[in-house]
């Protein structure tokens, strides 16, 4: 593996299985900074009981969707509080 090649291993010890993915970043050797996605170049879903259960022959990695800022949430909360205040005033008077 070169400096732009990455391998991600995930294991489930409860069922003695794992997932092994390999991908290449290419843009900045040895770093995931600025990585915007790319092709999965291989590997396997592995079982320690039966060996290779599945072979991964393709696919891609894509960035997760961005988490929206809290601005819309705060605006919605503000509107709700104004509505409750108006309702309270109407019911009290």
PDB file of N, CA and C in Angstrom:
ATOM      1  N   UNK A   1       0.840  -1.184   0.000  1.00  0.00           N
ATOM      2  CA  UNK A   1       0.000   0.000   0.000  1.00  0.00           C
ATOM      3  C   UNK A   1       0.881   1.242   0.000  1.00  0.00           C
ATOM      4  N   UNK A   2       0.499   2.246  -0.788  1.00  0.00           N
ATOM      5  CA  UNK A   2       1.232   3.490  -0.834  1.00  0.00           C
ATOM      6  C   UNK A   2       0.740   4.470   0.220  1.00  0.00           C
ATOM      7  N   UNK A   3       1.295   5.683   0.234  1.00  0.00           N
ATOM      8  CA  UNK A   3       0.901   6.665   1.240  1.00  0.00           C
ATOM      9  C   UNK A   3      -0.497   7.223   1.008  1.00  0.00           C
ATOM     10  N   UNK A   4      -1.064   7.043  -0.182  1.00  0.00           N
ATOM     11  CA  UNK A   4      -2.419   7.510  -0.466  1.00  0.00           C
ATOM     12  C   UNK A   4      -3.453   6.403  -0.305  1.00  0.00           C
ATOM     13  N   UNK A   5      -3.022   5.215   0.049  1.00  0.00           N
ATOM     14  CA  UNK A   5      -3.928   4.080   0.211  1.00  0.00           C
ATOM     15  C   UNK A   5      -4.349   3.961   1.668  1.00  0.00           C
ATOM     16  N   UNK A   6      -5.631   3.731   1.892  1.00  0.00           N
ATOM     17  CA  UNK A   6      -6.180   3.609   3.228  1.00  0.00           C
ATOM     18  C   UNK A   6      -6.905   2.282   3.357  1.00  0.00           C
ATOM     19  N   UNK A   7      -6.933   1.763   4.549  1.00  0.00           N
ATOM     20  CA  UNK A   7      -7.661   0.536   4.839  1.00  0.00           C
ATOM     21  C   UNK A   7      -8.451   0.767   6.119  1.00  0.00           C
ATOM     22  N   UNK A   8      -9.733   0.439   6.075  1.00  0.00           N
ATOM     23  CA  UNK A   8     -10.604   0.576   7.233  1.00  0.00           C
ATOM     24  C   UNK A   8     -11.062  -0.816   7.623  1.00  0.00           C
ATOM     25  N   UNK A   9     -10.846  -1.164   8.871  1.00  0.00           N
ATOM     26  CA  UNK A   9     -11.254  -2.468   9.378  1.00  0.00           C
ATOM     27  C   UNK A   9     -12.296  -2.256  10.470  1.00  0.00           C
ATOM     28  N   UNK A  10     -13.364  -3.026  10.418  1.00  0.00           N
ATOM     29  CA  UNK A  10     -14.382  -3.005  11.466  1.00  0.00           C
ATOM     30  C   UNK A  10     -14.687  -4.445  11.835  1.00  0.00           C
ATOM     31  N   UNK A  11     -14.749  -4.723  13.130  1.00  0.00           N
ATOM     32  CA  UNK A  11     -14.964  -6.093  13.580  1.00  0.00           C
ATOM     33  C   UNK A  11     -16.183  -6.183  14.478  1.00  0.00           C
ATOM     34  N   UNK A  12     -16.882  -7.290  14.360  1.00  0.00           N
ATOM     35  CA  UNK A  12     -17.977  -7.624  15.258  1.00  0.00           C
ATOM     36  C   UNK A  12     -17.565  -8.901  15.966  1.00  0.00           C
ATOM     37  N   UNK A  13     -17.040  -8.767  17.162  1.00  0.00           N
ATOM     38  CA  UNK A  13     -16.519  -9.934  17.865  1.00  0.00           C
ATOM     39  C   UNK A  13     -17.633 -10.862  18.330  1.00  0.00           C
ATOM     40  N   UNK A  14     -18.855 -10.353  18.416  1.00  0.00           N
ATOM     41  CA  UNK A  14     -19.978 -11.190  18.831  1.00  0.00           C
ATOM     42  C   UNK A  14     -20.274 -12.312  17.850  1.00  0.00           C
ATOM     43  N   UNK A  15     -20.057 -12.052  16.565  1.00  0.00           N
ATOM     44  CA  UNK A  15     -20.312 -13.093  15.555  1.00  0.00           C
ATOM     45  C   UNK A  15     -19.047 -13.456  14.791  1.00  0.00           C
ATOM     46  N   UNK A  16     -17.897 -12.991  15.299  1.00  0.00           N
ATOM     47  CA  UNK A  16     -16.601 -13.307  14.680  1.00  0.00           C
ATOM     48  C   UNK A  16     -16.556 -12.960  13.199  1.00  0.00           C
ATOM     49  N   UNK A  17     -16.931 -11.729  12.888  1.00  0.00           N
ATOM     50  CA  UNK A  17     -16.930 -11.280  11.497  1.00  0.00           C
ATOM     51  C   UNK A  17     -16.354  -9.880  11.421  1.00  0.00           C
ATOM     52  N   UNK A  18     -15.966  -9.468  10.230  1.00  0.00           N
ATOM     53  CA  UNK A  18     -15.417  -8.134  10.056  1.00  0.00           C
ATOM     54  C   UNK A  18     -15.601  -7.621   8.655  1.00  0.00           C
ATOM     55  N   UNK A  19     -15.406  -6.331   8.499  1.00  0.00           N
ATOM     56  CA  UNK A  19     -15.491  -5.655   7.209  1.00  0.00           C
ATOM     57  C   UNK A  19     -14.149  -4.978   6.975  1.00  0.00           C
ATOM     58  N   UNK A  20     -13.598  -5.168   5.799  1.00  0.00           N
ATOM     59  CA  UNK A  20     -12.296  -4.624   5.437  1.00  0.00           C
ATOM     60  C   UNK A  20     -12.450  -3.866   4.129  1.00  0.00           C
ATOM     61  N   UNK A  21     -12.278  -2.530   4.157  1.00  0.00           N
ATOM     62  CA  UNK A  21     -12.395  -1.701   2.952  1.00  0.00           C
ATOM     63  C   UNK A  21     -11.062  -1.048   2.657  1.00  0.00           C
ATOM     64  N   UNK A  22     -10.712  -0.964   1.393  1.00  0.00           N
ATOM     65  CA  UNK A  22      -9.519  -0.249   0.958  1.00  0.00           C
ATOM     66  C   UNK A  22      -9.931   0.823  -0.036  1.00  0.00           C
ATOM     67  N   UNK A  23      -9.351   2.018   0.116  1.00  0.00           N
ATOM     68  CA  UNK A  23      -9.607   3.091  -0.830  1.00  0.00           C
ATOM     69  C   UNK A  23      -8.367   3.971  -0.937  1.00  0.00           C
ATOM     70  N   UNK A  24      -8.312   4.745  -1.991  1.00  0.00           N
ATOM     71  CA  UNK A  24      -7.173   5.612  -2.259  1.00  0.00           C
ATOM     72  C   UNK A  24      -7.632   7.061  -2.211  1.00  0.00           C
ATOM     73  N   UNK A  25      -6.863   7.923  -1.532  1.00  0.00           N
ATOM     74  CA  UNK A  25      -7.233   9.334  -1.463  1.00  0.00           C
ATOM     75  C   UNK A  25      -6.667  10.119  -2.633  1.00  0.00           C
ATOM     76  N   UNK A  26      -5.429   9.910  -2.971  1.00  0.00           N
ATOM     77  CA  UNK A  26      -4.842  10.531  -4.152  1.00  0.00           C
ATOM     78  C   UNK A  26      -4.537  12.000  -4.062  1.00  0.00           C
ATOM     79  N   UNK A  27      -5.351  12.788  -3.387  1.00  0.00           N
ATOM     80  CA  UNK A  27      -5.157  14.242  -3.380  1.00  0.00           C
ATOM     81  C   UNK A  27      -4.046  14.691  -2.429  1.00  0.00           C
ATOM     82  N   UNK A  28      -3.996  14.137  -1.246  1.00  0.00           N
ATOM     83  CA  UNK A  28      -2.971  14.486  -0.260  1.00  0.00           C
ATOM     84  C   UNK A  28      -2.450  13.198   0.356  1.00  0.00           C
ATOM     85  N   UNK A  29      -1.280  12.759  -0.032  1.00  0.00           N
ATOM     86  CA  UNK A  29      -0.765  11.496   0.506  1.00  0.00           C
ATOM     87  C   UNK A  29      -0.745  11.483   2.034  1.00  0.00           C
ATOM     88  N   UNK A  30      -1.245  10.390   2.595  1.00  0.00           N
ATOM     89  CA  UNK A  30      -1.211  10.208   4.043  1.00  0.00           C
ATOM     90  C   UNK A  30      -2.198  11.034   4.832  1.00  0.00           C
ATOM     91  N   UNK A  31      -3.217  11.605   4.179  1.00  0.00           N
ATOM     92  CA  UNK A  31      -4.162  12.469   4.886  1.00  0.00           C
ATOM     93  C   UNK A  31      -5.563  12.309   4.310  1.00  0.00           C
ATOM     94  N   UNK A  32      -6.564  12.476   5.174  1.00  0.00           N
ATOM     95  CA  UNK A  32      -7.958  12.502   4.728  1.00  0.00           C
ATOM     96  C   UNK A  32      -8.501  13.931   4.674  1.00  0.00           C
ATOM     97  N   UNK A  33      -7.665  14.913   4.990  1.00  0.00           N
ATOM     98  CA  UNK A  33      -8.086  16.312   4.940  1.00  0.00           C
ATOM     99  C   UNK A  33      -8.426  16.664   3.502  1.00  0.00           C
ATOM    100  N   UNK A  34      -9.608  17.196   3.289  1.00  0.00           N
ATOM    101  CA  UNK A  34     -10.046  17.588   1.958  1.00  0.00           C
ATOM    102  C   UNK A  34     -10.543  16.434   1.105  1.00  0.00           C
ATOM    103  N   UNK A  35     -10.614  15.229   1.659  1.00  0.00           N
ATOM    104  CA  UNK A  35     -11.087  14.067   0.905  1.00  0.00           C
ATOM    105  C   UNK A  35     -12.567  14.241   0.600  1.00  0.00           C
ATOM    106  N   UNK A  36     -12.931  14.187  -0.662  1.00  0.00           N
ATOM    107  CA  UNK A  36     -14.319  14.404  -1.059  1.00  0.00           C
ATOM    108  C   UNK A  36     -14.978  13.150  -1.599  1.00  0.00           C
ATOM    109  N   UNK A  37     -14.338  12.018  -1.430  1.00  0.00           N
ATOM    110  CA  UNK A  37     -14.922  10.759  -1.868  1.00  0.00           C
ATOM    111  C   UNK A  37     -14.092  10.105  -2.941  1.00  0.00           C
ATOM    112  N   UNK A  38     -14.402   8.871  -3.205  1.00  0.00           N
ATOM    113  CA  UNK A  38     -13.672   8.129  -4.216  1.00  0.00           C
ATOM    114  C   UNK A  38     -14.109   6.680  -4.257  1.00  0.00           C
ATOM    115  N   UNK A  39     -13.430   5.902  -5.053  1.00  0.00           N
ATOM    116  CA  UNK A  39     -13.791   4.505  -5.264  1.00  0.00           C
ATOM    117  C   UNK A  39     -13.217   3.599  -4.192  1.00  0.00           C
ATOM    118  N   UNK A  40     -13.989   2.597  -3.845  1.00  0.00           N
ATOM    119  CA  UNK A  40     -13.496   1.520  -2.989  1.00  0.00           C
ATOM    120  C   UNK A  40     -12.762   0.565  -3.914  1.00  0.00           C
ATOM    121  N   UNK A  41     -11.518   0.288  -3.618  1.00  0.00           N
ATOM    122  CA  UNK A  41     -10.722  -0.571  -4.499  1.00  0.00           C
ATOM    123  C   UNK A  41     -10.708  -2.019  -4.027  1.00  0.00           C
ATOM    124  N   UNK A  42     -11.307  -2.307  -2.920  1.00  0.00           N
ATOM    125  CA  UNK A  42     -11.426  -3.707  -2.541  1.00  0.00           C
ATOM    126  C   UNK A  42     -11.680  -3.887  -1.084  1.00  0.00           C
ATOM    127  N   UNK A  43     -11.995  -4.983  -0.878  1.00  0.00           N
ATOM    128  CA  UNK A  43     -11.661  -6.084  -0.030  1.00  0.00           C
ATOM    129  C   UNK A  43     -12.844  -6.929   0.307  1.00  0.00           C
ATOM    130  N   UNK A  44     -12.980  -7.319   1.558  1.00  0.00           N
ATOM    131  CA  UNK A  44     -13.869  -8.423   1.885  1.00  0.00           C
ATOM    132  C   UNK A  44     -14.705  -8.168   3.124  1.00  0.00           C
ATOM    133  N   UNK A  45     -15.766  -8.977   3.219  1.00  0.00           N
ATOM    134  CA  UNK A  45     -16.464  -9.188   4.480  1.00  0.00           C
ATOM    135  C   UNK A  45     -15.978 -10.551   4.933  1.00  0.00           C
ATOM    136  N   UNK A  46     -15.374 -10.575   6.118  1.00  0.00           N
ATOM    137  CA  UNK A  46     -14.647 -11.752   6.557  1.00  0.00           C
ATOM    138  C   UNK A  46     -15.330 -12.384   7.770  1.00  0.00           C
ATOM    139  N   UNK A  47     -15.358 -13.694   7.797  1.00  0.00           N
ATOM    140  CA  UNK A  47     -15.821 -14.445   8.960  1.00  0.00           C
ATOM    141  C   UNK A  47     -14.674 -15.314   9.432  1.00  0.00           C
ATOM    142  N   UNK A  48     -14.367 -15.257  10.722  1.00  0.00           N
ATOM    143  CA  UNK A  48     -13.283 -16.096  11.226  1.00  0.00           C
ATOM    144  C   UNK A  48     -13.680 -17.563  11.251  1.00  0.00           C
ATOM    145  N   UNK A  49     -14.963 -17.820  11.127  1.00  0.00           N
ATOM    146  CA  UNK A  49     -15.438 -19.207  11.107  1.00  0.00           C
ATOM    147  C   UNK A  49     -15.333 -19.796   9.705  1.00  0.00           C
ATOM    148  N   UNK A  50     -15.788 -19.032   8.687  1.00  0.00           N
ATOM    149  CA  UNK A  50     -15.836 -19.577   7.331  1.00  0.00           C
ATOM    150  C   UNK A  50     -14.891 -18.902   6.342  1.00  0.00           C
ATOM    151  N   UNK A  51     -14.083 -17.949   6.793  1.00  0.00           N
ATOM    152  CA  UNK A  51     -13.185 -17.244   5.878  1.00  0.00           C
ATOM    153  C   UNK A  51     -13.913 -16.095   5.211  1.00  0.00           C
ATOM    154  N   UNK A  52     -13.593 -15.811   3.952  1.00  0.00           N
ATOM    155  CA  UNK A  52     -14.218 -14.703   3.220  1.00  0.00           C
ATOM    156  C   UNK A  52     -15.664 -15.033   2.919  1.00  0.00           C
ATOM    157  N   UNK A  53     -16.575 -14.215   3.442  1.00  0.00           N
ATOM    158  CA  UNK A  53     -18.001 -14.427   3.219  1.00  0.00           C
ATOM    159  C   UNK A  53     -18.475 -13.709   1.959  1.00  0.00           C
ATOM    160  N   UNK A  54     -17.938 -12.520   1.708  1.00  0.00           N
ATOM    161  CA  UNK A  54     -18.295 -11.727   0.532  1.00  0.00           C
ATOM    162  C   UNK A  54     -17.040 -11.025   0.047  1.00  0.00           C
ATOM    163  N   UNK A  55     -16.947 -10.819  -1.246  1.00  0.00           N
ATOM    164  CA  UNK A  55     -15.865 -10.031  -1.818  1.00  0.00           C
ATOM    165  C   UNK A  55     -16.458  -8.734  -2.346  1.00  0.00           C
ATOM    166  N   UNK A  56     -15.846  -7.629  -1.987  1.00  0.00           N
ATOM    167  CA  UNK A  56     -16.310  -6.319  -2.440  1.00  0.00           C
ATOM    168  C   UNK A  56     -15.570  -6.002  -3.730  1.00  0.00           C
ATOM    169  N   UNK A  57     -16.305  -5.834  -4.814  1.00  0.00           N
ATOM    170  CA  UNK A  57     -15.674  -5.621  -6.113  1.00  0.00           C
ATOM    171  C   UNK A  57     -15.846  -4.196  -6.624  1.00  0.00           C
ATOM    172  N   UNK A  58     -16.497  -3.346  -5.870  1.00  0.00           N
ATOM    173  CA  UNK A  58     -16.680  -1.966  -6.316  1.00  0.00           C
ATOM    174  C   UNK A  58     -17.466  -1.188  -5.301  1.00  0.00           C
ATOM    175  N   UNK A  59     -17.734   0.030  -5.625  1.00  0.00           N
ATOM    176  CA  UNK A  59     -18.471   0.911  -4.739  1.00  0.00           C
ATOM    177  C   UNK A  59     -17.737   2.230  -4.600  1.00  0.00           C
ATOM    178  N   UNK A  60     -18.306   3.116  -3.805  1.00  0.00           N
ATOM    179  CA  UNK A  60     -17.670   4.412  -3.626  1.00  0.00           C
ATOM    180  C   UNK A  60     -17.921   4.944  -2.226  1.00  0.00           C
ATOM    181  N   UNK A  61     -17.066   5.846  -1.820  1.00  0.00           N
ATOM    182  CA  UNK A  61     -17.210   6.572  -0.568  1.00  0.00           C
ATOM    183  C   UNK A  61     -17.639   7.981  -0.913  1.00  0.00           C
ATOM    184  N   UNK A  62     -18.624   8.492  -0.198  1.00  0.00           N
ATOM    185  CA  UNK A  62     -19.064   9.865  -0.401  1.00  0.00           C
ATOM    186  C   UNK A  62     -19.116  10.568   0.947  1.00  0.00           C
ATOM    187  N   UNK A  63     -18.895  11.872   0.968  1.00  0.00           N
ATOM    188  CA  UNK A  63     -18.955  12.606   2.227  1.00  0.00           C
ATOM    189  C   UNK A  63     -20.359  12.544   2.820  1.00  0.00           C
ATOM    190  N   UNK A  64     -20.417  12.515   4.139  1.00  0.00           N
ATOM    191  CA  UNK A  64     -21.712  12.577   4.813  1.00  0.00           C
ATOM    192  C   UNK A  64     -22.334  13.942   4.542  1.00  0.00           C
ATOM    193  N   UNK A  65     -23.643  13.998   4.568  1.00  0.00           N
ATOM    194  CA  UNK A  65     -24.300  15.286   4.348  1.00  0.00           C
ATOM    195  C   UNK A  65     -23.975  16.211   5.505  1.00  0.00           C
ATOM    196  N   UNK A  66     -23.860  17.459   5.200  1.00  0.00           N
ATOM    197  CA  UNK A  66     -23.518  18.453   6.217  1.00  0.00           C
ATOM    198  C   UNK A  66     -24.651  18.600   7.229  1.00  0.00           C
ATOM    199  N   UNK A  67     -24.302  18.796   8.457  1.00  0.00           N
ATOM    200  CA  UNK A  67     -25.289  19.030   9.501  1.00  0.00           C
ATOM    201  C   UNK A  67     -25.724  20.484   9.399  1.00  0.00           C
ATOM    202  N   UNK A  68     -27.043  20.720   9.294  1.00  0.00           N
ATOM    203  CA  UNK A  68     -27.488  22.105   9.168  1.00  0.00           C
ATOM    204  C   UNK A  68     -27.178  22.906  10.431  1.00  0.00           C
ATOM    205  N   UNK A  69     -27.005  24.207  10.236  1.00  0.00           N
ATOM    206  CA  UNK A  69     -26.741  25.054  11.400  1.00  0.00           C
ATOM    207  C   UNK A  69     -27.996  25.176  12.254  1.00  0.00           C
ATOM    208  N   UNK A  70     -27.843  25.675  13.435  1.00  0.00           N
ATOM    209  CA  UNK A  70     -28.966  25.772  14.357  1.00  0.00           C
ATOM    210  C   UNK A  70     -29.854  26.976  14.127  1.00  0.00           C
ATOM    211  N   UNK A  71     -29.569  27.789  13.120  1.00  0.00           N
ATOM    212  CA  UNK A  71     -30.341  29.006  12.880  1.00  0.00           C
ATOM    213  C   UNK A  71     -31.817  28.754  12.670  1.00  0.00           C
ATOM    214  N   UNK A  72     -32.172  27.782  11.861  1.00  0.00           N
ATOM    215  CA  UNK A  72     -33.587  27.512  11.605  1.00  0.00           C
ATOM    216  C   UNK A  72     -34.266  26.952  12.844  1.00  0.00           C
ATOM    217  N   UNK A  73     -33.547  26.177  13.637  1.00  0.00           N
ATOM    218  CA  UNK A  73     -34.111  25.632  14.864  1.00  0.00           C
ATOM    219  C   UNK A  73     -34.406  26.750  15.852  1.00  0.00           C
ATOM    220  N   UNK A  74     -33.486  27.684  15.996  1.00  0.00           N
ATOM    221  CA  UNK A  74     -33.679  28.811  16.914  1.00  0.00           C
ATOM    222  C   UNK A  74     -34.846  29.677  16.445  1.00  0.00           C
ATOM    223  N   UNK A  75     -34.961  29.889  15.143  1.00  0.00           N
ATOM    224  CA  UNK A  75     -36.070  30.681  14.600  1.00  0.00           C
ATOM    225  C   UNK A  75     -37.405  30.006  14.893  1.00  0.00           C
ATOM    226  N   UNK A  76     -37.453  28.707  14.695  1.00  0.00           N
ATOM    227  CA  UNK A  76     -38.689  27.967  14.961  1.00  0.00           C
ATOM    228  C   UNK A  76     -39.041  28.026  16.440  1.00  0.00           C
ATOM    229  N   UNK A  77     -38.062  27.881  17.311  1.00  0.00           N
ATOM    230  CA  UNK A  77     -38.303  27.970  18.746  1.00  0.00           C
ATOM    231  C   UNK A  77     -38.802  29.363  19.120  1.00  0.00           C
ATOM    232  N   UNK A  78     -38.210  30.400  18.536  1.00  0.00           N
ATOM    233  CA  UNK A  78     -38.643  31.767  18.808  1.00  0.00           C
ATOM    234  C   UNK A  78     -40.089  31.999  18.396  1.00  0.00           C
ATOM    235  N   UNK A  79     -40.461  31.500  17.232  1.00  0.00           N
ATOM    236  CA  UNK A  79     -41.853  31.638  16.770  1.00  0.00           C
ATOM    237  C   UNK A  79     -42.812  30.913  17.696  1.00  0.00           C
ATOM    238  N   UNK A  80     -42.424  29.731  18.156  1.00  0.00           N
ATOM    239  CA  UNK A  80     -43.274  28.965  19.066  1.00  0.00           C
ATOM    240  C   UNK A  80     -43.464  29.717  20.379  1.00  0.00           C
ATOM    241  N   UNK A  81     -42.376  30.305  20.905  1.00  0.00           N
ATOM    242  CA  UNK A  81     -42.485  31.056  22.160  1.00  0.00           C
ATOM    243  C   UNK A  81     -43.361  32.284  21.993  1.00  0.00           C
ATOM    244  N   UNK A  82     -43.248  32.985  20.869  1.00  0.00           N
ATOM    245  CA  UNK A  82     -44.115  34.138  20.606  1.00  0.00           C
ATOM    246  C   UNK A  82     -45.579  33.706  20.521  1.00  0.00           C
ATOM    247  N   UNK A  83     -45.825  32.586  19.873  1.00  0.00           N
ATOM    248  CA  UNK A  83     -47.192  32.074  19.772  1.00  0.00           C
ATOM    249  C   UNK A  83     -47.763  31.710  21.126  1.00  0.00           C
ATOM    250  N   UNK A  84     -46.946  31.064  21.958  1.00  0.00           N
ATOM    251  CA  UNK A  84     -47.409  30.713  23.297  1.00  0.00           C
ATOM    252  C   UNK A  84     -47.680  31.956  24.140  1.00  0.00           C
ATOM    253  N   UNK A  85     -46.812  32.971  24.009  1.00  0.00           N
ATOM    254  CA  UNK A  85     -47.020  34.222  24.746  1.00  0.00           C
ATOM    255  C   UNK A  85     -48.324  34.890  24.315  1.00  0.00           C
ATOM    256  N   UNK A  86     -48.582  34.909  23.013  1.00  0.00           N
ATOM    257  CA  UNK A  86     -49.817  35.513  22.509  1.00  0.00           C
ATOM    258  C   UNK A  86     -51.035  34.729  22.983  1.00  0.00           C
ATOM    259  N   UNK A  87     -50.932  33.423  22.982  1.00  0.00           N
ATOM    260  CA  UNK A  87     -52.051  32.583  23.432  1.00  0.00           C
ATOM    261  C   UNK A  87     -52.297  32.791  24.922  1.00  0.00           C
ATOM    262  N   UNK A  88     -51.242  32.869  25.709  1.00  0.00           N
ATOM    263  CA  UNK A  88     -51.383  33.087  27.151  1.00  0.00           C
ATOM    264  C   UNK A  88     -52.038  34.428  27.430  1.00  0.00           C
ATOM    265  N   UNK A  89     -51.618  35.451  26.688  1.00  0.00           N
ATOM    266  CA  UNK A  89     -52.195  36.783  26.889  1.00  0.00           C
ATOM    267  C   UNK A  89     -53.681  36.789  26.553  1.00  0.00           C
ATOM    268  N   UNK A  90     -54.028  36.059  25.473  1.00  0.00           N
ATOM    269  CA  UNK A  90     -55.431  36.025  25.058  1.00  0.00           C
ATOM    270  C   UNK A  90     -56.283  35.273  26.074  1.00  0.00           C
ATOM    271  N   UNK A  91     -55.751  34.192  26.647  1.00  0.00           N
ATOM    272  CA  UNK A  91     -56.500  33.405  27.615  1.00  0.00           C
ATOM    273  C   UNK A  91     -56.600  34.089  28.977  1.00  0.00           C
ATOM    274  N   UNK A  92     -55.606  34.854  29.354  1.00  0.00           N
ATOM    275  CA  UNK A  92     -55.580  35.496  30.669  1.00  0.00           C
ATOM    276  C   UNK A  92     -56.436  36.757  30.729  1.00  0.00           C
ATOM    277  N   UNK A  93     -56.646  37.419  29.632  1.00  0.00           N
ATOM    278  CA  UNK A  93     -57.346  38.701  29.664  1.00  0.00           C
ATOM    279  C   UNK A  93     -58.734  38.633  29.137  1.00  0.00           C
TER     280      UNK A  93
END
